[in-house]
mmCIF file of all heavy atoms, coordinates in Angstrom:
data_MODEL
# 
_entry.id   MODEL 
# 
loop_
_atom_site.group_PDB 
_atom_site.id 
_atom_site.type_symbol 
_atom_site.label_atom_id 
_atom_site.label_alt_id 
_atom_site.label_comp_id 
_atom_site.label_asym_id 
_atom_site.label_entity_id 
_atom_site.label_seq_id 
_atom_site.pdbx_PDB_ins_code 
_atom_site.Cartn_x 
_atom_site.Cartn_y 
_atom_site.Cartn_z 
_atom_site.occupancy 
_atom_site.B_iso_or_equiv 
_atom_site.pdbx_formal_charge 
_atom_site.auth_seq_id 
_atom_site.auth_comp_id 
_atom_site.auth_asym_id 
_atom_site.auth_atom_id 
_atom_site.pdbx_PDB_model_num 
ATOM 1   N N   . GLN A 1 1  ? 0.893  -1.143 -0.081 1.00 0.00 ? 1  GLN A N   1 
ATOM 2   C CA  . GLN A 1 1  ? 0.017  0.033  0.010  1.00 0.00 ? 1  GLN A CA  1 
ATOM 3   C C   . GLN A 1 1  ? 0.805  1.239  0.016  1.00 0.00 ? 1  GLN A C   1 
ATOM 4   O O   . GLN A 1 1  ? 1.818  1.368  0.819  1.00 0.00 ? 1  GLN A O   1 
ATOM 5   C CB  . GLN A 1 1  ? -0.883 -0.093 1.217  1.00 0.00 ? 1  GLN A CB  1 
ATOM 6   C CG  . GLN A 1 1  ? -2.124 0.796  1.156  1.00 0.00 ? 1  GLN A CG  1 
ATOM 7   C CD  . GLN A 1 1  ? -1.803 2.270  1.517  1.00 0.00 ? 1  GLN A CD  1 
ATOM 8   O OE1 . GLN A 1 1  ? -0.924 2.610  2.185  1.00 0.00 ? 1  GLN A OE1 1 
ATOM 9   N NE2 . GLN A 1 1  ? -2.703 3.153  1.037  1.00 0.00 ? 1  GLN A NE2 1 
ATOM 10  N N   . PRO A 1 2  ? 0.649  2.200  -0.876 1.00 0.00 ? 2  PRO A N   1 
ATOM 11  C CA  . PRO A 1 2  ? 1.635  3.374  -1.062 1.00 0.00 ? 2  PRO A CA  1 
ATOM 12  C C   . PRO A 1 2  ? 1.790  4.175  0.130  1.00 0.00 ? 2  PRO A C   1 
ATOM 13  O O   . PRO A 1 2  ? 2.901  4.642  0.455  1.00 0.00 ? 2  PRO A O   1 
ATOM 14  C CB  . PRO A 1 2  ? 1.016  4.179  -2.253 1.00 0.00 ? 2  PRO A CB  1 
ATOM 15  C CG  . PRO A 1 2  ? 0.184  3.181  -3.000 1.00 0.00 ? 2  PRO A CG  1 
ATOM 16  C CD  . PRO A 1 2  ? -0.403 2.163  -1.991 1.00 0.00 ? 2  PRO A CD  1 
ATOM 17  N N   . LEU A 1 3  ? 0.768  4.490  0.942  1.00 0.00 ? 3  LEU A N   1 
ATOM 18  C CA  . LEU A 1 3  ? 0.914  5.340  2.134  1.00 0.00 ? 3  LEU A CA  1 
ATOM 19  C C   . LEU A 1 3  ? 1.806  4.642  3.154  1.00 0.00 ? 3  LEU A C   1 
ATOM 20  O O   . LEU A 1 3  ? 2.704  5.156  3.774  1.00 0.00 ? 3  LEU A O   1 
ATOM 21  C CB  . LEU A 1 3  ? -0.362 5.741  2.725  1.00 0.00 ? 3  LEU A CB  1 
ATOM 22  C CG  . LEU A 1 3  ? -0.265 6.648  3.955  1.00 0.00 ? 3  LEU A CG  1 
ATOM 23  C CD1 . LEU A 1 3  ? 0.460  7.941  3.611  1.00 0.00 ? 3  LEU A CD1 1 
ATOM 24  C CD2 . LEU A 1 3  ? -1.639 7.015  4.512  1.00 0.00 ? 3  LEU A CD2 1 
ATOM 25  N N   . TYR A 1 4  ? 1.527  3.251  3.318  1.00 0.00 ? 4  TYR A N   1 
ATOM 26  C CA  . TYR A 1 4  ? 2.357  2.550  4.255  1.00 0.00 ? 4  TYR A CA  1 
ATOM 27  C C   . TYR A 1 4  ? 3.828  2.492  3.690  1.00 0.00 ? 4  TYR A C   1 
ATOM 28  O O   . TYR A 1 4  ? 4.787  2.566  4.502  1.00 0.00 ? 4  TYR A O   1 
ATOM 29  C CB  . TYR A 1 4  ? 1.895  1.108  4.393  1.00 0.00 ? 4  TYR A CB  1 
ATOM 30  C CG  . TYR A 1 4  ? 2.728  0.218  5.217  1.00 0.00 ? 4  TYR A CG  1 
ATOM 31  C CD1 . TYR A 1 4  ? 2.570  0.208  6.629  1.00 0.00 ? 4  TYR A CD1 1 
ATOM 32  C CD2 . TYR A 1 4  ? 3.688  -0.649 4.628  1.00 0.00 ? 4  TYR A CD2 1 
ATOM 33  C CE1 . TYR A 1 4  ? 3.419  -0.594 7.368  1.00 0.00 ? 4  TYR A CE1 1 
ATOM 34  C CE2 . TYR A 1 4  ? 4.508  -1.443 5.402  1.00 0.00 ? 4  TYR A CE2 1 
ATOM 35  C CZ  . TYR A 1 4  ? 4.370  -1.433 6.767  1.00 0.00 ? 4  TYR A CZ  1 
ATOM 36  O OH  . TYR A 1 4  ? 5.218  -2.224 7.592  1.00 0.00 ? 4  TYR A OH  1 
ATOM 37  N N   . ALA A 1 5  ? 4.001  2.279  2.434  1.00 0.00 ? 5  ALA A N   1 
ATOM 38  C CA  . ALA A 1 5  ? 5.401  2.208  1.899  1.00 0.00 ? 5  ALA A CA  1 
ATOM 39  C C   . ALA A 1 5  ? 6.046  3.600  2.039  1.00 0.00 ? 5  ALA A C   1 
ATOM 40  O O   . ALA A 1 5  ? 7.227  3.591  2.383  1.00 0.00 ? 5  ALA A O   1 
ATOM 41  C CB  . ALA A 1 5  ? 5.261  1.982  0.315  1.00 0.00 ? 5  ALA A CB  1 
ATOM 42  N N   . ALA A 1 6  ? 5.360  4.682  1.937  1.00 0.00 ? 6  ALA A N   1 
ATOM 43  C CA  . ALA A 1 6  ? 5.980  6.030  2.214  1.00 0.00 ? 6  ALA A CA  1 
ATOM 44  C C   . ALA A 1 6  ? 6.393  6.132  3.593  1.00 0.00 ? 6  ALA A C   1 
ATOM 45  O O   . ALA A 1 6  ? 7.553  6.578  3.839  1.00 0.00 ? 6  ALA A O   1 
ATOM 46  C CB  . ALA A 1 6  ? 4.861  7.090  1.791  1.00 0.00 ? 6  ALA A CB  1 
ATOM 47  N N   . ILE A 1 7  ? 5.556  5.848  4.507  1.00 0.00 ? 7  ILE A N   1 
ATOM 48  C CA  . ILE A 1 7  ? 5.924  6.094  5.954  1.00 0.00 ? 7  ILE A CA  1 
ATOM 49  C C   . ILE A 1 7  ? 6.947  5.128  6.415  1.00 0.00 ? 7  ILE A C   1 
ATOM 50  O O   . ILE A 1 7  ? 7.993  5.462  6.949  1.00 0.00 ? 7  ILE A O   1 
ATOM 51  C CB  . ILE A 1 7  ? 4.646  5.963  6.908  1.00 0.00 ? 7  ILE A CB  1 
ATOM 52  C CG1 . ILE A 1 7  ? 3.754  7.258  6.528  1.00 0.00 ? 7  ILE A CG1 1 
ATOM 53  C CG2 . ILE A 1 7  ? 5.032  6.135  8.342  1.00 0.00 ? 7  ILE A CG2 1 
ATOM 54  C CD1 . ILE A 1 7  ? 2.382  7.254  7.069  1.00 0.00 ? 7  ILE A CD1 1 
ATOM 55  N N   . ALA A 1 8  ? 6.798  3.766  6.126  1.00 0.00 ? 8  ALA A N   1 
ATOM 56  C CA  . ALA A 1 8  ? 7.719  2.809  6.575  1.00 0.00 ? 8  ALA A CA  1 
ATOM 57  C C   . ALA A 1 8  ? 9.133  2.988  5.885  1.00 0.00 ? 8  ALA A C   1 
ATOM 58  O O   . ALA A 1 8  ? 10.121 2.997  6.435  1.00 0.00 ? 8  ALA A O   1 
ATOM 59  C CB  . ALA A 1 8  ? 7.145  1.348  6.343  1.00 0.00 ? 8  ALA A CB  1 
ATOM 60  N N   . GLY A 1 9  ? 8.911  3.210  4.530  1.00 0.00 ? 9  GLY A N   1 
ATOM 61  C CA  . GLY A 1 9  ? 10.152 3.398  3.732  1.00 0.00 ? 9  GLY A CA  1 
ATOM 62  C C   . GLY A 1 9  ? 10.898 4.710  4.209  1.00 0.00 ? 9  GLY A C   1 
ATOM 63  O O   . GLY A 1 9  ? 12.163 4.613  4.332  1.00 0.00 ? 9  GLY A O   1 
ATOM 64  N N   . GLY A 1 10 ? 10.155 5.710  4.551  1.00 0.00 ? 10 GLY A N   1 
ATOM 65  C CA  . GLY A 1 10 ? 10.801 6.892  5.042  1.00 0.00 ? 10 GLY A CA  1 
ATOM 66  C C   . GLY A 1 10 ? 11.484 6.704  6.366  1.00 0.00 ? 10 GLY A C   1 
ATOM 67  O O   . GLY A 1 10 ? 12.619 7.162  6.577  1.00 0.00 ? 10 GLY A O   1 
ATOM 68  N N   . LEU A 1 11 ? 10.847 6.106  7.271  1.00 0.00 ? 11 LEU A N   1 
ATOM 69  C CA  . LEU A 1 11 ? 11.416 5.743  8.545  1.00 0.00 ? 11 LEU A CA  1 
ATOM 70  C C   . LEU A 1 11 ? 12.642 4.837  8.506  1.00 0.00 ? 11 LEU A C   1 
ATOM 71  O O   . LEU A 1 11 ? 13.672 5.152  9.126  1.00 0.00 ? 11 LEU A O   1 
ATOM 72  C CB  . LEU A 1 11 ? 10.375 5.222  9.491  1.00 0.00 ? 11 LEU A CB  1 
ATOM 73  C CG  . LEU A 1 11 ? 9.226  6.180  9.937  1.00 0.00 ? 11 LEU A CG  1 
ATOM 74  C CD1 . LEU A 1 11 ? 8.182  5.392  10.754 1.00 0.00 ? 11 LEU A CD1 1 
ATOM 75  C CD2 . LEU A 1 11 ? 9.732  7.304  10.698 1.00 0.00 ? 11 LEU A CD2 1 
ATOM 76  N N   . ILE A 1 12 ? 12.553 3.869  7.666  1.00 0.00 ? 12 ILE A N   1 
ATOM 77  C CA  . ILE A 1 12 ? 13.686 2.931  7.513  1.00 0.00 ? 12 ILE A CA  1 
ATOM 78  C C   . ILE A 1 12 ? 14.858 3.669  6.935  1.00 0.00 ? 12 ILE A C   1 
ATOM 79  O O   . ILE A 1 12 ? 16.047 3.532  7.351  1.00 0.00 ? 12 ILE A O   1 
ATOM 80  C CB  . ILE A 1 12 ? 13.355 1.666  6.655  1.00 0.00 ? 12 ILE A CB  1 
ATOM 81  C CG1 . ILE A 1 12 ? 12.291 0.850  7.459  1.00 0.00 ? 12 ILE A CG1 1 
ATOM 82  C CG2 . ILE A 1 12 ? 14.524 0.901  6.238  1.00 0.00 ? 12 ILE A CG2 1 
ATOM 83  C CD1 . ILE A 1 12 ? 11.587 -0.233 6.527  1.00 0.00 ? 12 ILE A CD1 1 
ATOM 84  N N   . THR A 1 13 ? 14.573 4.405  5.855  1.00 0.00 ? 13 THR A N   1 
ATOM 85  C CA  . THR A 1 13 ? 15.533 5.124  5.152  1.00 0.00 ? 13 THR A CA  1 
ATOM 86  C C   . THR A 1 13 ? 16.255 6.203  6.073  1.00 0.00 ? 13 THR A C   1 
ATOM 87  O O   . THR A 1 13 ? 17.435 6.454  6.131  1.00 0.00 ? 13 THR A O   1 
ATOM 88  C CB  . THR A 1 13 ? 15.063 5.839  3.873  1.00 0.00 ? 13 THR A CB  1 
ATOM 89  O OG1 . THR A 1 13 ? 14.494 4.856  3.011  1.00 0.00 ? 13 THR A OG1 1 
ATOM 90  C CG2 . THR A 1 13 ? 16.135 6.656  3.148  1.00 0.00 ? 13 THR A CG2 1 
ATOM 91  N N   . GLY A 1 14 ? 15.472 7.007  6.746  1.00 0.00 ? 14 GLY A N   1 
ATOM 92  C CA  . GLY A 1 14 ? 15.867 7.892  7.822  1.00 0.00 ? 14 GLY A CA  1 
ATOM 93  C C   . GLY A 1 14 ? 16.813 7.321  8.838  1.00 0.00 ? 14 GLY A C   1 
ATOM 94  O O   . GLY A 1 14 ? 17.855 8.006  9.198  1.00 0.00 ? 14 GLY A O   1 
ATOM 95  N N   . THR A 1 15 ? 16.496 6.168  9.335  1.00 0.00 ? 15 THR A N   1 
ATOM 96  C CA  . THR A 1 15 ? 17.391 5.417  10.285 1.00 0.00 ? 15 THR A CA  1 
ATOM 97  C C   . THR A 1 15 ? 18.687 5.118  9.610  1.00 0.00 ? 15 THR A C   1 
ATOM 98  O O   . THR A 1 15 ? 19.693 5.237  10.280 1.00 0.00 ? 15 THR A O   1 
ATOM 99  C CB  . THR A 1 15 ? 16.597 4.118  10.815 1.00 0.00 ? 15 THR A CB  1 
ATOM 100 O OG1 . THR A 1 15 ? 15.332 4.616  11.348 1.00 0.00 ? 15 THR A OG1 1 
ATOM 101 C CG2 . THR A 1 15 ? 17.531 3.392  11.798 1.00 0.00 ? 15 THR A CG2 1 
ATOM 102 N N   . GLY A 1 16 ? 18.627 4.630  8.368  1.00 0.00 ? 16 GLY A N   1 
ATOM 103 C CA  . GLY A 1 16 ? 19.861 4.380  7.688  1.00 0.00 ? 16 GLY A CA  1 
ATOM 104 C C   . GLY A 1 16 ? 20.751 5.621  7.538  1.00 0.00 ? 16 GLY A C   1 
ATOM 105 O O   . GLY A 1 16 ? 21.985 5.585  7.718  1.00 0.00 ? 16 GLY A O   1 
ATOM 106 N N   . PHE A 1 17 ? 20.115 6.769  7.153  1.00 0.00 ? 17 PHE A N   1 
ATOM 107 C CA  . PHE A 1 17 ? 20.842 8.103  7.049  1.00 0.00 ? 17 PHE A CA  1 
ATOM 108 C C   . PHE A 1 17 ? 21.476 8.417  8.364  1.00 0.00 ? 17 PHE A C   1 
ATOM 109 O O   . PHE A 1 17 ? 22.507 8.850  8.527  1.00 0.00 ? 17 PHE A O   1 
ATOM 110 C CB  . PHE A 1 17 ? 19.959 9.195  6.542  1.00 0.00 ? 17 PHE A CB  1 
ATOM 111 C CG  . PHE A 1 17 ? 19.940 9.264  5.080  1.00 0.00 ? 17 PHE A CG  1 
ATOM 112 C CD1 . PHE A 1 17 ? 18.785 8.914  4.455  1.00 0.00 ? 17 PHE A CD1 1 
ATOM 113 C CD2 . PHE A 1 17 ? 21.098 9.484  4.307  1.00 0.00 ? 17 PHE A CD2 1 
ATOM 114 C CE1 . PHE A 1 17 ? 18.731 9.046  2.981  1.00 0.00 ? 17 PHE A CE1 1 
ATOM 115 C CE2 . PHE A 1 17 ? 21.028 9.554  2.927  1.00 0.00 ? 17 PHE A CE2 1 
ATOM 116 C CZ  . PHE A 1 17 ? 19.826 9.360  2.294  1.00 0.00 ? 17 PHE A CZ  1 
ATOM 117 N N   . LEU A 1 18 ? 20.692 8.287  9.515  1.00 0.00 ? 18 LEU A N   1 
ATOM 118 C CA  . LEU A 1 18 ? 21.178 8.566  10.849 1.00 0.00 ? 18 LEU A CA  1 
ATOM 119 C C   . LEU A 1 18 ? 22.463 7.780  11.081 1.00 0.00 ? 18 LEU A C   1 
ATOM 120 O O   . LEU A 1 18 ? 23.425 8.298  11.649 1.00 0.00 ? 18 LEU A O   1 
ATOM 121 C CB  . LEU A 1 18 ? 20.139 8.315  11.860 1.00 0.00 ? 18 LEU A CB  1 
ATOM 122 C CG  . LEU A 1 18 ? 20.415 8.786  13.282 1.00 0.00 ? 18 LEU A CG  1 
ATOM 123 C CD1 . LEU A 1 18 ? 20.723 10.216 13.351 1.00 0.00 ? 18 LEU A CD1 1 
ATOM 124 C CD2 . LEU A 1 18 ? 19.297 8.414  14.235 1.00 0.00 ? 18 LEU A CD2 1 
ATOM 125 N N   . VAL A 1 19 ? 22.424 6.486  10.797 1.00 0.00 ? 19 VAL A N   1 
ATOM 126 C CA  . VAL A 1 19 ? 23.610 5.664  11.046 1.00 0.00 ? 19 VAL A CA  1 
ATOM 127 C C   . VAL A 1 19 ? 24.801 6.179  10.247 1.00 0.00 ? 19 VAL A C   1 
ATOM 128 O O   . VAL A 1 19 ? 25.885 6.348  10.824 1.00 0.00 ? 19 VAL A O   1 
ATOM 129 C CB  . VAL A 1 19 ? 23.326 4.162  10.670 1.00 0.00 ? 19 VAL A CB  1 
ATOM 130 C CG1 . VAL A 1 19 ? 24.608 3.281  10.681 1.00 0.00 ? 19 VAL A CG1 1 
ATOM 131 C CG2 . VAL A 1 19 ? 22.287 3.574  11.623 1.00 0.00 ? 19 VAL A CG2 1 
ATOM 132 N N   . LEU A 1 20 ? 24.568 6.499  8.996  1.00 0.00 ? 20 LEU A N   1 
ATOM 133 C CA  . LEU A 1 20 ? 25.709 7.073  8.150  1.00 0.00 ? 20 LEU A CA  1 
ATOM 134 C C   . LEU A 1 20 ? 26.223 8.414  8.715  1.00 0.00 ? 20 LEU A C   1 
ATOM 135 O O   . LEU A 1 20 ? 27.397 8.581  8.807  1.00 0.00 ? 20 LEU A O   1 
ATOM 136 C CB  . LEU A 1 20 ? 25.170 7.262  6.719  1.00 0.00 ? 20 LEU A CB  1 
ATOM 137 C CG  . LEU A 1 20 ? 24.901 5.944  5.934  1.00 0.00 ? 20 LEU A CG  1 
ATOM 138 C CD1 . LEU A 1 20 ? 24.514 6.346  4.509  1.00 0.00 ? 20 LEU A CD1 1 
ATOM 139 C CD2 . LEU A 1 20 ? 26.021 4.956  5.952  1.00 0.00 ? 20 LEU A CD2 1 
ATOM 140 N N   . PHE A 1 21 ? 25.276 9.319  9.008  1.00 0.00 ? 21 PHE A N   1 
ATOM 141 C CA  . PHE A 1 21 ? 25.692 10.590 9.527  1.00 0.00 ? 21 PHE A CA  1 
ATOM 142 C C   . PHE A 1 21 ? 26.437 10.498 10.807 1.00 0.00 ? 21 PHE A C   1 
ATOM 143 O O   . PHE A 1 21 ? 27.436 11.289 10.958 1.00 0.00 ? 21 PHE A O   1 
ATOM 144 C CB  . PHE A 1 21 ? 24.436 11.587 9.704  1.00 0.00 ? 21 PHE A CB  1 
ATOM 145 C CG  . PHE A 1 21 ? 23.809 11.957 8.456  1.00 0.00 ? 21 PHE A CG  1 
ATOM 146 C CD1 . PHE A 1 21 ? 22.631 12.613 8.489  1.00 0.00 ? 21 PHE A CD1 1 
ATOM 147 C CD2 . PHE A 1 21 ? 24.398 11.907 7.205  1.00 0.00 ? 21 PHE A CD2 1 
ATOM 148 C CE1 . PHE A 1 21 ? 21.964 13.050 7.294  1.00 0.00 ? 21 PHE A CE1 1 
ATOM 149 C CE2 . PHE A 1 21 ? 23.739 12.271 6.028  1.00 0.00 ? 21 PHE A CE2 1 
ATOM 150 C CZ  . PHE A 1 21 ? 22.565 12.918 6.174  1.00 0.00 ? 21 PHE A CZ  1 
ATOM 151 N N   . ARG A 1 22 ? 26.081 9.614  11.712 1.00 0.00 ? 22 ARG A N   1 
ATOM 152 C CA  . ARG A 1 22 ? 26.808 9.490  12.987 1.00 0.00 ? 22 ARG A CA  1 
ATOM 153 C C   . ARG A 1 22 ? 28.298 8.950  12.725 1.00 0.00 ? 22 ARG A C   1 
ATOM 154 O O   . ARG A 1 22 ? 29.058 8.981  13.712 1.00 0.00 ? 22 ARG A O   1 
ATOM 155 C CB  . ARG A 1 22 ? 26.050 8.504  13.830 1.00 0.00 ? 22 ARG A CB  1 
ATOM 156 C CG  . ARG A 1 22 ? 24.710 8.954  14.320 1.00 0.00 ? 22 ARG A CG  1 
ATOM 157 C CD  . ARG A 1 22 ? 24.822 9.778  15.464 1.00 0.00 ? 22 ARG A CD  1 
ATOM 158 N NE  . ARG A 1 22 ? 23.607 10.467 15.782 1.00 0.00 ? 22 ARG A NE  1 
ATOM 159 C CZ  . ARG A 1 22 ? 22.819 10.388 16.880 1.00 0.00 ? 22 ARG A CZ  1 
ATOM 160 N NH1 . ARG A 1 22 ? 23.329 9.687  17.854 1.00 0.00 ? 22 ARG A NH1 1 
ATOM 161 N NH2 . ARG A 1 22 ? 21.768 11.016 17.043 1.00 0.00 ? 22 ARG A NH2 1 
ATOM 162 N N   . HIS A 1 23 ? 28.543 8.401  11.567 1.00 0.00 ? 23 HIS A N   1 
ATOM 163 C CA  . HIS A 1 23 ? 29.837 7.868  11.248 1.00 0.00 ? 23 HIS A CA  1 
ATOM 164 C C   . HIS A 1 23 ? 30.501 8.767  10.248 1.00 0.00 ? 23 HIS A C   1 
ATOM 165 O O   . HIS A 1 23 ? 31.364 8.303  9.516  1.00 0.00 ? 23 HIS A O   1 
ATOM 166 C CB  . HIS A 1 23 ? 29.782 6.421  10.826 1.00 0.00 ? 23 HIS A CB  1 
ATOM 167 C CG  . HIS A 1 23 ? 29.570 5.539  11.994 1.00 0.00 ? 23 HIS A CG  1 
ATOM 168 N ND1 . HIS A 1 23 ? 30.628 4.820  12.601 1.00 0.00 ? 23 HIS A ND1 1 
ATOM 169 C CD2 . HIS A 1 23 ? 28.477 5.213  12.673 1.00 0.00 ? 23 HIS A CD2 1 
ATOM 170 C CE1 . HIS A 1 23 ? 30.239 4.217  13.672 1.00 0.00 ? 23 HIS A CE1 1 
ATOM 171 N NE2 . HIS A 1 23 ? 28.850 4.339  13.660 1.00 0.00 ? 23 HIS A NE2 1 
ATOM 172 N N   . ARG A 1 24 ? 30.037 10.058 10.145 1.00 0.00 ? 24 ARG A N   1 
ATOM 173 C CA  . ARG A 1 24 ? 30.644 11.050 9.240  1.00 0.00 ? 24 ARG A CA  1 
ATOM 174 C C   . ARG A 1 24 ? 30.677 10.460 7.723  1.00 0.00 ? 24 ARG A C   1 
ATOM 175 O O   . ARG A 1 24 ? 31.683 10.378 7.082  1.00 0.00 ? 24 ARG A O   1 
ATOM 176 C CB  . ARG A 1 24 ? 31.965 11.492 9.573  1.00 0.00 ? 24 ARG A CB  1 
ATOM 177 C CG  . ARG A 1 24 ? 32.068 12.179 10.986 1.00 0.00 ? 24 ARG A CG  1 
ATOM 178 C CD  . ARG A 1 24 ? 31.498 13.587 10.953 1.00 0.00 ? 24 ARG A CD  1 
ATOM 179 N NE  . ARG A 1 24 ? 32.266 14.410 10.068 1.00 0.00 ? 24 ARG A NE  1 
ATOM 180 C CZ  . ARG A 1 24 ? 31.723 15.564 9.427  1.00 0.00 ? 24 ARG A CZ  1 
ATOM 181 N NH1 . ARG A 1 24 ? 30.478 15.844 9.741  1.00 0.00 ? 24 ARG A NH1 1 
ATOM 182 N NH2 . ARG A 1 24 ? 32.423 16.258 8.618  1.00 0.00 ? 24 ARG A NH2 1 
ATOM 183 N N   . CYS A 1 25 ? 29.477 10.091 7.302  1.00 0.00 ? 25 CYS A N   1 
ATOM 184 C CA  . CYS A 1 25 ? 29.272 9.500  5.962  1.00 0.00 ? 25 CYS A CA  1 
ATOM 185 C C   . CYS A 1 25 ? 27.953 9.987  5.458  1.00 0.00 ? 25 CYS A C   1 
ATOM 186 O O   . CYS A 1 25 ? 26.979 10.328 6.177  1.00 0.00 ? 25 CYS A O   1 
ATOM 187 C CB  . CYS A 1 25 ? 29.379 8.048  6.063  1.00 0.00 ? 25 CYS A CB  1 
ATOM 188 S SG  . CYS A 1 25 ? 29.144 7.046  4.493  1.00 0.00 ? 25 CYS A SG  1 
ATOM 189 N N   . SER A 1 26 ? 27.690 10.036 4.138  1.00 0.00 ? 26 SER A N   1 
ATOM 190 C CA  . SER A 1 26 ? 26.385 10.268 3.575  1.00 0.00 ? 26 SER A CA  1 
ATOM 191 C C   . SER A 1 26 ? 26.233 9.464  2.317  1.00 0.00 ? 26 SER A C   1 
ATOM 192 O O   . SER A 1 26 ? 27.119 8.610  1.925  1.00 0.00 ? 26 SER A O   1 
ATOM 193 C CB  . SER A 1 26 ? 26.318 11.819 3.352  1.00 0.00 ? 26 SER A CB  1 
ATOM 194 O OG  . SER A 1 26 ? 26.878 12.164 2.037  1.00 0.00 ? 26 SER A OG  1 
# 
C-alpha cells in the first residue's frame, strides 16, 4: 500500500541516514 510504503520506507531510510551521519558519511 503506497501510504504504508511512504511512511515505513521513510522511517527505515531515515534510520539508515542517521547511522551514516553518525559515522561522518552520507
